[in-house]
């Protein structure tokens, strides 16, 4: 059974206000960012190399969002998981995540 380290969690009081997808230089892996906001706080997360982009649009309507890292995995890539709750629980795997600091 894998161990997960919770990196970020957004529930009641938070809303996803933006999801954007990009490919730098027109080549290479995709990346995407998710912006979440509460009453007086904004958090921007940047994710690299999602395994699939099929469900990214679902992130706009989530009730709960958890970002965690699989700490037991021997995989070098694909060990960051986004769990989200909309009509049911879903997940998206990617290679890495970091928070974008506001300028």
PDB file of N, CA and C in Angstrom:
ATOM      1  N   UNK A   1       0.843  -1.180   0.000  1.00  0.00           N
ATOM      2  CA  UNK A   1       0.000   0.000   0.000  1.00  0.00           C
ATOM      3  C   UNK A   1       0.889   1.245   0.000  1.00  0.00           C
ATOM      4  N   UNK A   2       0.571   2.184  -0.844  1.00  0.00           N
ATOM      5  CA  UNK A   2       1.416   3.367  -0.974  1.00  0.00           C
ATOM      6  C   UNK A   2       1.116   4.385   0.128  1.00  0.00           C
ATOM      7  N   UNK A   3       2.130   5.158   0.451  1.00  0.00           N
ATOM      8  CA  UNK A   3       2.007   6.238   1.424  1.00  0.00           C
ATOM      9  C   UNK A   3       1.926   7.545   0.663  1.00  0.00           C
ATOM     10  N   UNK A   4       1.056   8.430   1.111  1.00  0.00           N
ATOM     11  CA  UNK A   4       0.907   9.720   0.453  1.00  0.00           C
ATOM     12  C   UNK A   4       1.153  10.846   1.434  1.00  0.00           C
ATOM     13  N   UNK A   5       1.850  11.866   0.960  1.00  0.00           N
ATOM     14  CA  UNK A   5       2.072  13.083   1.724  1.00  0.00           C
ATOM     15  C   UNK A   5       1.182  14.162   1.143  1.00  0.00           C
ATOM     16  N   UNK A   6       0.260  14.679   1.943  1.00  0.00           N
ATOM     17  CA  UNK A   6      -0.639  15.730   1.471  1.00  0.00           C
ATOM     18  C   UNK A   6       0.138  17.033   1.351  1.00  0.00           C
ATOM     19  N   UNK A   7       0.092  17.629   0.168  1.00  0.00           N
ATOM     20  CA  UNK A   7       0.812  18.879  -0.092  1.00  0.00           C
ATOM     21  C   UNK A   7      -0.104  20.096  -0.002  1.00  0.00           C
ATOM     22  N   UNK A   8      -1.304  19.991  -0.559  1.00  0.00           N
ATOM     23  CA  UNK A   8      -2.280  21.085  -0.573  1.00  0.00           C
ATOM     24  C   UNK A   8      -3.675  20.500  -0.441  1.00  0.00           C
ATOM     25  N   UNK A   9      -4.573  21.252   0.195  1.00  0.00           N
ATOM     26  CA  UNK A   9      -5.969  20.837   0.269  1.00  0.00           C
ATOM     27  C   UNK A   9      -6.860  22.070   0.242  1.00  0.00           C
ATOM     28  N   UNK A  10      -7.894  22.008  -0.573  1.00  0.00           N
ATOM     29  CA  UNK A  10      -8.854  23.098  -0.714  1.00  0.00           C
ATOM     30  C   UNK A  10     -10.258  22.517  -0.612  1.00  0.00           C
ATOM     31  N   UNK A  11     -11.019  22.984   0.361  1.00  0.00           N
ATOM     32  CA  UNK A  11     -12.379  22.482   0.582  1.00  0.00           C
ATOM     33  C   UNK A  11     -13.359  23.630   0.653  1.00  0.00           C
ATOM     34  N   UNK A  12     -14.242  23.562   1.653  1.00  0.00           N
ATOM     35  CA  UNK A  12     -15.272  24.588   1.833  1.00  0.00           C
ATOM     36  C   UNK A  12     -14.621  25.962   1.954  1.00  0.00           C
ATOM     37  N   UNK A  13     -15.198  26.930   1.292  1.00  0.00           N
ATOM     38  CA  UNK A  13     -14.679  28.293   1.323  1.00  0.00           C
ATOM     39  C   UNK A  13     -13.706  28.603   0.199  1.00  0.00           C
ATOM     40  N   UNK A  14     -13.253  27.575  -0.513  1.00  0.00           N
ATOM     41  CA  UNK A  14     -12.341  27.765  -1.639  1.00  0.00           C
ATOM     42  C   UNK A  14     -13.074  27.483  -2.940  1.00  0.00           C
ATOM     43  N   UNK A  15     -12.674  28.181  -3.993  1.00  0.00           N
ATOM     44  CA  UNK A  15     -13.247  27.949  -5.314  1.00  0.00           C
ATOM     45  C   UNK A  15     -12.120  27.989  -6.344  1.00  0.00           C
ATOM     46  N   UNK A  16     -12.197  27.111  -7.334  1.00  0.00           N
ATOM     47  CA  UNK A  16     -11.240  27.134  -8.435  1.00  0.00           C
ATOM     48  C   UNK A  16     -11.710  28.204  -9.410  1.00  0.00           C
ATOM     49  N   UNK A  17     -10.849  29.181  -9.689  1.00  0.00           N
ATOM     50  CA  UNK A  17     -11.236  30.290 -10.555  1.00  0.00           C
ATOM     51  C   UNK A  17     -10.590  30.232 -11.930  1.00  0.00           C
ATOM     52  N   UNK A  18      -9.542  29.395 -12.072  1.00  0.00           N
ATOM     53  CA  UNK A  18      -8.896  29.300 -13.381  1.00  0.00           C
ATOM     54  C   UNK A  18      -8.135  27.985 -13.502  1.00  0.00           C
ATOM     55  N   UNK A  19      -8.237  27.384 -14.690  1.00  0.00           N
ATOM     56  CA  UNK A  19      -7.410  26.239 -15.072  1.00  0.00           C
ATOM     57  C   UNK A  19      -6.872  26.558 -16.458  1.00  0.00           C
ATOM     58  N   UNK A  20      -5.561  26.518 -16.620  1.00  0.00           N
ATOM     59  CA  UNK A  20      -4.991  26.789 -17.944  1.00  0.00           C
ATOM     60  C   UNK A  20      -3.949  25.729 -18.282  1.00  0.00           C
ATOM     61  N   UNK A  21      -3.883  25.397 -19.569  1.00  0.00           N
ATOM     62  CA  UNK A  21      -2.986  24.367 -20.081  1.00  0.00           C
ATOM     63  C   UNK A  21      -2.003  25.025 -21.030  1.00  0.00           C
ATOM     64  N   UNK A  22      -0.738  24.589 -20.985  1.00  0.00           N
ATOM     65  CA  UNK A  22       0.252  25.148 -21.909  1.00  0.00           C
ATOM     66  C   UNK A  22       1.280  24.087 -22.291  1.00  0.00           C
ATOM     67  N   UNK A  23       1.946  24.364 -23.395  1.00  0.00           N
ATOM     68  CA  UNK A  23       3.087  23.558 -23.845  1.00  0.00           C
ATOM     69  C   UNK A  23       4.166  24.564 -24.217  1.00  0.00           C
ATOM     70  N   UNK A  24       5.221  24.614 -23.439  1.00  0.00           N
ATOM     71  CA  UNK A  24       6.278  25.603 -23.665  1.00  0.00           C
ATOM     72  C   UNK A  24       7.039  25.310 -24.942  1.00  0.00           C
ATOM     73  N   UNK A  25       7.199  26.320 -25.763  1.00  0.00           N
ATOM     74  CA  UNK A  25       7.955  26.200 -27.005  1.00  0.00           C
ATOM     75  C   UNK A  25       7.279  25.344 -28.059  1.00  0.00           C
ATOM     76  N   UNK A  26       6.025  24.964 -27.845  1.00  0.00           N
ATOM     77  CA  UNK A  26       5.314  24.159 -28.828  1.00  0.00           C
ATOM     78  C   UNK A  26       5.720  22.700 -28.857  1.00  0.00           C
ATOM     79  N   UNK A  27       6.677  22.318 -28.038  1.00  0.00           N
ATOM     80  CA  UNK A  27       7.134  20.930 -27.983  1.00  0.00           C
ATOM     81  C   UNK A  27       7.243  20.501 -26.530  1.00  0.00           C
ATOM     82  N   UNK A  28       7.401  19.227 -26.325  1.00  0.00           N
ATOM     83  CA  UNK A  28       7.596  18.720 -24.973  1.00  0.00           C
ATOM     84  C   UNK A  28       6.293  18.451 -24.266  1.00  0.00           C
ATOM     85  N   UNK A  29       6.391  18.122 -22.976  1.00  0.00           N
ATOM     86  CA  UNK A  29       5.194  17.753 -22.217  1.00  0.00           C
ATOM     87  C   UNK A  29       4.299  18.955 -21.924  1.00  0.00           C
ATOM     88  N   UNK A  30       3.046  18.676 -21.728  1.00  0.00           N
ATOM     89  CA  UNK A  30       2.087  19.699 -21.328  1.00  0.00           C
ATOM     90  C   UNK A  30       2.288  20.039 -19.857  1.00  0.00           C
ATOM     91  N   UNK A  31       1.828  21.203 -19.482  1.00  0.00           N
ATOM     92  CA  UNK A  31       1.748  21.593 -18.086  1.00  0.00           C
ATOM     93  C   UNK A  31       0.435  22.341 -17.910  1.00  0.00           C
ATOM     94  N   UNK A  32       0.010  22.488 -16.668  1.00  0.00           N
ATOM     95  CA  UNK A  32      -1.219  23.242 -16.424  1.00  0.00           C
ATOM     96  C   UNK A  32      -1.138  23.906 -15.063  1.00  0.00           C
ATOM     97  N   UNK A  33      -1.924  24.953 -14.910  1.00  0.00           N
ATOM     98  CA  UNK A  33      -1.984  25.646 -13.627  1.00  0.00           C
ATOM     99  C   UNK A  33      -3.433  25.712 -13.165  1.00  0.00           C
ATOM    100  N   UNK A  34      -3.577  25.747 -11.850  1.00  0.00           N
ATOM    101  CA  UNK A  34      -4.884  25.838 -11.214  1.00  0.00           C
ATOM    102  C   UNK A  34      -4.820  26.985 -10.215  1.00  0.00           C
ATOM    103  N   UNK A  35      -5.757  27.902 -10.331  1.00  0.00           N
ATOM    104  CA  UNK A  35      -5.850  29.010  -9.382  1.00  0.00           C
ATOM    105  C   UNK A  35      -7.051  28.790  -8.490  1.00  0.00           C
ATOM    106  N   UNK A  36      -6.842  28.851  -7.180  1.00  0.00           N
ATOM    107  CA  UNK A  36      -7.925  28.724  -6.214  1.00  0.00           C
ATOM    108  C   UNK A  36      -7.977  29.999  -5.385  1.00  0.00           C
ATOM    109  N   UNK A  37      -9.180  30.349  -4.948  1.00  0.00           N
ATOM    110  CA  UNK A  37      -9.343  31.557  -4.142  1.00  0.00           C
ATOM    111  C   UNK A  37     -10.314  31.303  -3.009  1.00  0.00           C
ATOM    112  N   UNK A  38     -10.030  31.958  -1.870  1.00  0.00           N
ATOM    113  CA  UNK A  38     -10.975  32.034  -0.768  1.00  0.00           C
ATOM    114  C   UNK A  38     -11.296  33.510  -0.594  1.00  0.00           C
ATOM    115  N   UNK A  39     -11.910  33.875   0.498  1.00  0.00           N
ATOM    116  CA  UNK A  39     -12.321  35.272   0.680  1.00  0.00           C
ATOM    117  C   UNK A  39     -11.180  36.267   0.483  1.00  0.00           C
ATOM    118  N   UNK A  40     -10.029  35.992   1.067  1.00  0.00           N
ATOM    119  CA  UNK A  40      -8.939  36.965   0.984  1.00  0.00           C
ATOM    120  C   UNK A  40      -7.593  36.327   0.637  1.00  0.00           C
ATOM    121  N   UNK A  41      -7.613  35.147   0.054  1.00  0.00           N
ATOM    122  CA  UNK A  41      -6.366  34.464  -0.280  1.00  0.00           C
ATOM    123  C   UNK A  41      -6.483  33.825  -1.653  1.00  0.00           C
ATOM    124  N   UNK A  42      -5.362  33.835  -2.379  1.00  0.00           N
ATOM    125  CA  UNK A  42      -5.304  33.239  -3.710  1.00  0.00           C
ATOM    126  C   UNK A  42      -4.093  32.306  -3.747  1.00  0.00           C
ATOM    127  N   UNK A  43      -4.274  31.095  -4.280  1.00  0.00           N
ATOM    128  CA  UNK A  43      -3.174  30.142  -4.413  1.00  0.00           C
ATOM    129  C   UNK A  43      -3.136  29.661  -5.857  1.00  0.00           C
ATOM    130  N   UNK A  44      -1.961  29.762  -6.471  1.00  0.00           N
ATOM    131  CA  UNK A  44      -1.744  29.281  -7.836  1.00  0.00           C
ATOM    132  C   UNK A  44      -0.782  28.100  -7.789  1.00  0.00           C
ATOM    133  N   UNK A  45      -1.221  26.964  -8.349  1.00  0.00           N
ATOM    134  CA  UNK A  45      -0.380  25.777  -8.409  1.00  0.00           C
ATOM    135  C   UNK A  45      -0.061  25.447  -9.859  1.00  0.00           C
ATOM    136  N   UNK A  46       1.171  25.035 -10.105  1.00  0.00           N
ATOM    137  CA  UNK A  46       1.648  24.706 -11.440  1.00  0.00           C
ATOM    138  C   UNK A  46       2.019  23.228 -11.466  1.00  0.00           C
ATOM    139  N   UNK A  47       1.417  22.481 -12.386  1.00  0.00           N
ATOM    140  CA  UNK A  47       1.612  21.035 -12.497  1.00  0.00           C
ATOM    141  C   UNK A  47       2.308  20.721 -13.815  1.00  0.00           C
ATOM    142  N   UNK A  48       3.271  19.805 -13.782  1.00  0.00           N
ATOM    143  CA  UNK A  48       4.002  19.426 -14.986  1.00  0.00           C
ATOM    144  C   UNK A  48       3.687  17.995 -15.399  1.00  0.00           C
ATOM    145  N   UNK A  49       3.557  17.820 -16.701  1.00  0.00           N
ATOM    146  CA  UNK A  49       3.406  16.515 -17.349  1.00  0.00           C
ATOM    147  C   UNK A  49       2.256  15.673 -16.803  1.00  0.00           C
ATOM    148  N   UNK A  50       1.009  16.157 -16.974  1.00  0.00           N
ATOM    149  CA  UNK A  50      -0.119  15.307 -16.567  1.00  0.00           C
ATOM    150  C   UNK A  50      -0.167  14.050 -17.424  1.00  0.00           C
ATOM    151  N   UNK A  51      -0.579  12.952 -16.814  1.00  0.00           N
ATOM    152  CA  UNK A  51      -0.676  11.686 -17.561  1.00  0.00           C
ATOM    153  C   UNK A  51      -1.841  11.725 -18.545  1.00  0.00           C
ATOM    154  N   UNK A  52      -2.845  12.540 -18.243  1.00  0.00           N
ATOM    155  CA  UNK A  52      -3.993  12.726 -19.132  1.00  0.00           C
ATOM    156  C   UNK A  52      -4.568  14.112 -18.865  1.00  0.00           C
ATOM    157  N   UNK A  53      -5.085  14.754 -19.906  1.00  0.00           N
ATOM    158  CA  UNK A  53      -5.725  16.058 -19.720  1.00  0.00           C
ATOM    159  C   UNK A  53      -7.239  15.954 -19.874  1.00  0.00           C
ATOM    160  N   UNK A  54      -7.740  14.738 -20.003  1.00  0.00           N
ATOM    161  CA  UNK A  54      -9.168  14.526 -20.245  1.00  0.00           C
ATOM    162  C   UNK A  54     -10.067  15.154 -19.190  1.00  0.00           C
ATOM    163  N   UNK A  55      -9.672  15.132 -17.934  1.00  0.00           N
ATOM    164  CA  UNK A  55     -10.548  15.607 -16.858  1.00  0.00           C
ATOM    165  C   UNK A  55     -10.167  16.977 -16.298  1.00  0.00           C
ATOM    166  N   UNK A  56      -9.250  17.675 -16.926  1.00  0.00           N
ATOM    167  CA  UNK A  56      -8.819  18.960 -16.383  1.00  0.00           C
ATOM    168  C   UNK A  56      -9.958  19.967 -16.283  1.00  0.00           C
ATOM    169  N   UNK A  57     -10.865  19.977 -17.224  1.00  0.00           N
ATOM    170  CA  UNK A  57     -11.974  20.940 -17.170  1.00  0.00           C
ATOM    171  C   UNK A  57     -12.880  20.684 -15.971  1.00  0.00           C
ATOM    172  N   UNK A  58     -12.909  19.456 -15.475  1.00  0.00           N
ATOM    173  CA  UNK A  58     -13.726  19.132 -14.294  1.00  0.00           C
ATOM    174  C   UNK A  58     -13.235  19.847 -13.043  1.00  0.00           C
ATOM    175  N   UNK A  59     -11.973  20.266 -13.039  1.00  0.00           N
ATOM    176  CA  UNK A  59     -11.429  20.948 -11.870  1.00  0.00           C
ATOM    177  C   UNK A  59     -12.116  22.286 -11.606  1.00  0.00           C
ATOM    178  N   UNK A  60     -12.753  22.856 -12.611  1.00  0.00           N
ATOM    179  CA  UNK A  60     -13.439  24.144 -12.435  1.00  0.00           C
ATOM    180  C   UNK A  60     -14.641  24.054 -11.499  1.00  0.00           C
ATOM    181  N   UNK A  61     -15.233  22.885 -11.356  1.00  0.00           N
ATOM    182  CA  UNK A  61     -16.465  22.740 -10.576  1.00  0.00           C
ATOM    183  C   UNK A  61     -16.316  21.822  -9.369  1.00  0.00           C
ATOM    184  N   UNK A  62     -15.120  21.733  -8.815  1.00  0.00           N
ATOM    185  CA  UNK A  62     -14.905  20.808  -7.706  1.00  0.00           C
ATOM    186  C   UNK A  62     -15.378  21.390  -6.378  1.00  0.00           C
ATOM    187  N   UNK A  63     -15.773  20.485  -5.492  1.00  0.00           N
ATOM    188  CA  UNK A  63     -16.129  20.861  -4.125  1.00  0.00           C
ATOM    189  C   UNK A  63     -14.933  20.713  -3.195  1.00  0.00           C
ATOM    190  N   UNK A  64     -14.009  19.824  -3.557  1.00  0.00           N
ATOM    191  CA  UNK A  64     -12.858  19.532  -2.713  1.00  0.00           C
ATOM    192  C   UNK A  64     -11.695  19.147  -3.619  1.00  0.00           C
ATOM    193  N   UNK A  65     -10.494  19.588  -3.273  1.00  0.00           N
ATOM    194  CA  UNK A  65      -9.307  19.319  -4.082  1.00  0.00           C
ATOM    195  C   UNK A  65      -8.144  19.010  -3.141  1.00  0.00           C
ATOM    196  N   UNK A  66      -7.491  17.869  -3.368  1.00  0.00           N
ATOM    197  CA  UNK A  66      -6.343  17.467  -2.556  1.00  0.00           C
ATOM    198  C   UNK A  66      -5.188  17.135  -3.493  1.00  0.00           C
ATOM    199  N   UNK A  67      -4.028  17.703  -3.226  1.00  0.00           N
ATOM    200  CA  UNK A  67      -2.818  17.400  -3.995  1.00  0.00           C
ATOM    201  C   UNK A  67      -1.866  16.671  -3.055  1.00  0.00           C
ATOM    202  N   UNK A  68      -1.418  15.490  -3.475  1.00  0.00           N
ATOM    203  CA  UNK A  68      -0.529  14.702  -2.630  1.00  0.00           C
ATOM    204  C   UNK A  68       0.580  14.077  -3.463  1.00  0.00           C
ATOM    205  N   UNK A  69       1.602  13.606  -2.765  1.00  0.00           N
ATOM    206  CA  UNK A  69       2.730  12.959  -3.426  1.00  0.00           C
ATOM    207  C   UNK A  69       2.855  11.543  -2.878  1.00  0.00           C
ATOM    208  N   UNK A  70       3.020  10.586  -3.783  1.00  0.00           N
ATOM    209  CA  UNK A  70       3.217   9.193  -3.414  1.00  0.00           C
ATOM    210  C   UNK A  70       4.658   9.043  -2.947  1.00  0.00           C
ATOM    211  N   UNK A  71       4.865   8.896  -1.647  1.00  0.00           N
ATOM    212  CA  UNK A  71       6.216   8.857  -1.088  1.00  0.00           C
ATOM    213  C   UNK A  71       6.843   7.471  -1.110  1.00  0.00           C
ATOM    214  N   UNK A  72       6.049   6.437  -1.308  1.00  0.00           N
ATOM    215  CA  UNK A  72       6.576   5.066  -1.349  1.00  0.00           C
ATOM    216  C   UNK A  72       6.966   4.626  -2.744  1.00  0.00           C
ATOM    217  N   UNK A  73       6.528   5.363  -3.721  1.00  0.00           N
ATOM    218  CA  UNK A  73       6.735   4.953  -5.101  1.00  0.00           C
ATOM    219  C   UNK A  73       8.203   4.986  -5.484  1.00  0.00           C
ATOM    220  N   UNK A  74       8.609   4.023  -6.263  1.00  0.00           N
ATOM    221  CA  UNK A  74       9.956   3.998  -6.816  1.00  0.00           C
ATOM    222  C   UNK A  74      10.008   4.769  -8.137  1.00  0.00           C
ATOM    223  N   UNK A  75       8.834   5.235  -8.595  1.00  0.00           N
ATOM    224  CA  UNK A  75       8.773   5.985  -9.844  1.00  0.00           C
ATOM    225  C   UNK A  75       9.432   7.345  -9.671  1.00  0.00           C
ATOM    226  N   UNK A  76      10.187   7.740 -10.656  1.00  0.00           N
ATOM    227  CA  UNK A  76      10.779   9.062 -10.640  1.00  0.00           C
ATOM    228  C   UNK A  76       9.772  10.102 -11.145  1.00  0.00           C
ATOM    229  N   UNK A  77       8.849   9.655 -12.019  1.00  0.00           N
ATOM    230  CA  UNK A  77       7.861  10.550 -12.609  1.00  0.00           C
ATOM    231  C   UNK A  77       6.454  10.015 -12.350  1.00  0.00           C
ATOM    232  N   UNK A  78       5.477  10.896 -12.385  1.00  0.00           N
ATOM    233  CA  UNK A  78       4.083  10.491 -12.253  1.00  0.00           C
ATOM    234  C   UNK A  78       3.680  10.126 -10.844  1.00  0.00           C
ATOM    235  N   UNK A  79       4.283  10.765  -9.844  1.00  0.00           N
ATOM    236  CA  UNK A  79       3.942  10.408  -8.471  1.00  0.00           C
ATOM    237  C   UNK A  79       3.209  11.516  -7.709  1.00  0.00           C
ATOM    238  N   UNK A  80       2.736  12.538  -8.406  1.00  0.00           N
ATOM    239  CA  UNK A  80       1.909  13.581  -7.798  1.00  0.00           C
ATOM    240  C   UNK A  80       0.463  13.330  -8.224  1.00  0.00           C
ATOM    241  N   UNK A  81      -0.439  13.289  -7.234  1.00  0.00           N
ATOM    242  CA  UNK A  81      -1.843  12.972  -7.513  1.00  0.00           C
ATOM    243  C   UNK A  81      -2.734  14.122  -7.078  1.00  0.00           C
ATOM    244  N   UNK A  82      -3.696  14.440  -7.946  1.00  0.00           N
ATOM    245  CA  UNK A  82      -4.731  15.416  -7.631  1.00  0.00           C
ATOM    246  C   UNK A  82      -6.026  14.626  -7.459  1.00  0.00           C
ATOM    247  N   UNK A  83      -6.558  14.608  -6.256  1.00  0.00           N
ATOM    248  CA  UNK A  83      -7.878  14.015  -6.001  1.00  0.00           C
ATOM    249  C   UNK A  83      -8.874  15.155  -5.993  1.00  0.00           C
ATOM    250  N   UNK A  84      -9.999  14.960  -6.671  1.00  0.00           N
ATOM    251  CA  UNK A  84     -11.005  16.014  -6.700  1.00  0.00           C
ATOM    252  C   UNK A  84     -12.395  15.411  -6.545  1.00  0.00           C
ATOM    253  N   UNK A  85     -13.273  16.189  -5.929  1.00  0.00           N
ATOM    254  CA  UNK A  85     -14.659  15.778  -5.734  1.00  0.00           C
ATOM    255  C   UNK A  85     -15.553  16.738  -6.488  1.00  0.00           C
ATOM    256  N   UNK A  86     -16.263  16.200  -7.468  1.00  0.00           N
ATOM    257  CA  UNK A  86     -17.325  16.965  -8.126  1.00  0.00           C
ATOM    258  C   UNK A  86     -18.582  16.110  -8.007  1.00  0.00           C
ATOM    259  N   UNK A  87     -18.960  15.376  -9.020  1.00  0.00           N
ATOM    260  CA  UNK A  87     -20.100  14.459  -8.916  1.00  0.00           C
ATOM    261  C   UNK A  87     -19.683  13.158  -8.232  1.00  0.00           C
ATOM    262  N   UNK A  88     -18.415  12.932  -8.140  1.00  0.00           N
ATOM    263  CA  UNK A  88     -17.801  11.788  -7.478  1.00  0.00           C
ATOM    264  C   UNK A  88     -16.315  12.063  -7.412  1.00  0.00           C
ATOM    265  N   UNK A  89     -15.576  11.187  -6.750  1.00  0.00           N
ATOM    266  CA  UNK A  89     -14.129  11.387  -6.653  1.00  0.00           C
ATOM    267  C   UNK A  89     -13.443  10.993  -7.948  1.00  0.00           C
ATOM    268  N   UNK A  90     -12.466  11.778  -8.358  1.00  0.00           N
ATOM    269  CA  UNK A  90     -11.645  11.480  -9.522  1.00  0.00           C
ATOM    270  C   UNK A  90     -10.206  11.821  -9.204  1.00  0.00           C
ATOM    271  N   UNK A  91      -9.306  11.442 -10.091  1.00  0.00           N
ATOM    272  CA  UNK A  91      -7.901  11.741  -9.858  1.00  0.00           C
ATOM    273  C   UNK A  91      -7.179  12.033 -11.160  1.00  0.00           C
ATOM    274  N   UNK A  92      -6.137  12.825 -11.042  1.00  0.00           N
ATOM    275  CA  UNK A  92      -5.247  13.158 -12.148  1.00  0.00           C
ATOM    276  C   UNK A  92      -3.826  12.987 -11.620  1.00  0.00           C
ATOM    277  N   UNK A  93      -2.989  12.281 -12.373  1.00  0.00           N
ATOM    278  CA  UNK A  93      -1.595  12.080 -11.995  1.00  0.00           C
ATOM    279  C   UNK A  93      -0.697  12.959 -12.853  1.00  0.00           C
ATOM    280  N   UNK A  94       0.371  13.481 -12.262  1.00  0.00           N
ATOM    281  CA  UNK A  94       1.342  14.265 -13.008  1.00  0.00           C
ATOM    282  C   UNK A  94       2.726  14.096 -12.378  1.00  0.00           C
ATOM    283  N   UNK A  95       3.728  14.719 -12.993  1.00  0.00           N
ATOM    284  CA  UNK A  95       5.104  14.526 -12.540  1.00  0.00           C
ATOM    285  C   UNK A  95       5.503  15.409 -11.361  1.00  0.00           C
ATOM    286  N   UNK A  96       5.041  16.648 -11.347  1.00  0.00           N
ATOM    287  CA  UNK A  96       5.462  17.546 -10.270  1.00  0.00           C
ATOM    288  C   UNK A  96       4.452  18.669 -10.085  1.00  0.00           C
ATOM    289  N   UNK A  97       4.560  19.341  -8.935  1.00  0.00           N
ATOM    290  CA  UNK A  97       3.710  20.487  -8.614  1.00  0.00           C
ATOM    291  C   UNK A  97       4.544  21.474  -7.806  1.00  0.00           C
ATOM    292  N   UNK A  98       4.306  22.748  -8.037  1.00  0.00           N
ATOM    293  CA  UNK A  98       4.862  23.771  -7.162  1.00  0.00           C
ATOM    294  C   UNK A  98       3.928  24.962  -7.153  1.00  0.00           C
ATOM    295  N   UNK A  99       4.024  25.720  -6.082  1.00  0.00           N
ATOM    296  CA  UNK A  99       3.179  26.904  -5.928  1.00  0.00           C
ATOM    297  C   UNK A  99       3.833  28.073  -6.629  1.00  0.00           C
ATOM    298  N   UNK A 100       3.037  28.812  -7.374  1.00  0.00           N
ATOM    299  CA  UNK A 100       3.495  30.022  -8.060  1.00  0.00           C
ATOM    300  C   UNK A 100       3.297  31.186  -7.098  1.00  0.00           C
ATOM    301  N   UNK A 101       4.365  31.839  -6.759  1.00  0.00           N
ATOM    302  CA  UNK A 101       4.288  32.986  -5.841  1.00  0.00           C
ATOM    303  C   UNK A 101       3.780  34.206  -6.588  1.00  0.00           C
ATOM    304  N   UNK A 102       2.903  34.958  -5.928  1.00  0.00           N
ATOM    305  CA  UNK A 102       2.377  36.200  -6.510  1.00  0.00           C
ATOM    306  C   UNK A 102       3.477  37.251  -6.541  1.00  0.00           C
ATOM    307  N   UNK A 103       3.503  38.013  -7.620  1.00  0.00           N
ATOM    308  CA  UNK A 103       4.533  39.076  -7.751  1.00  0.00           C
ATOM    309  C   UNK A 103       4.121  40.322  -7.012  1.00  0.00           C
TER     310      UNK A 103
END
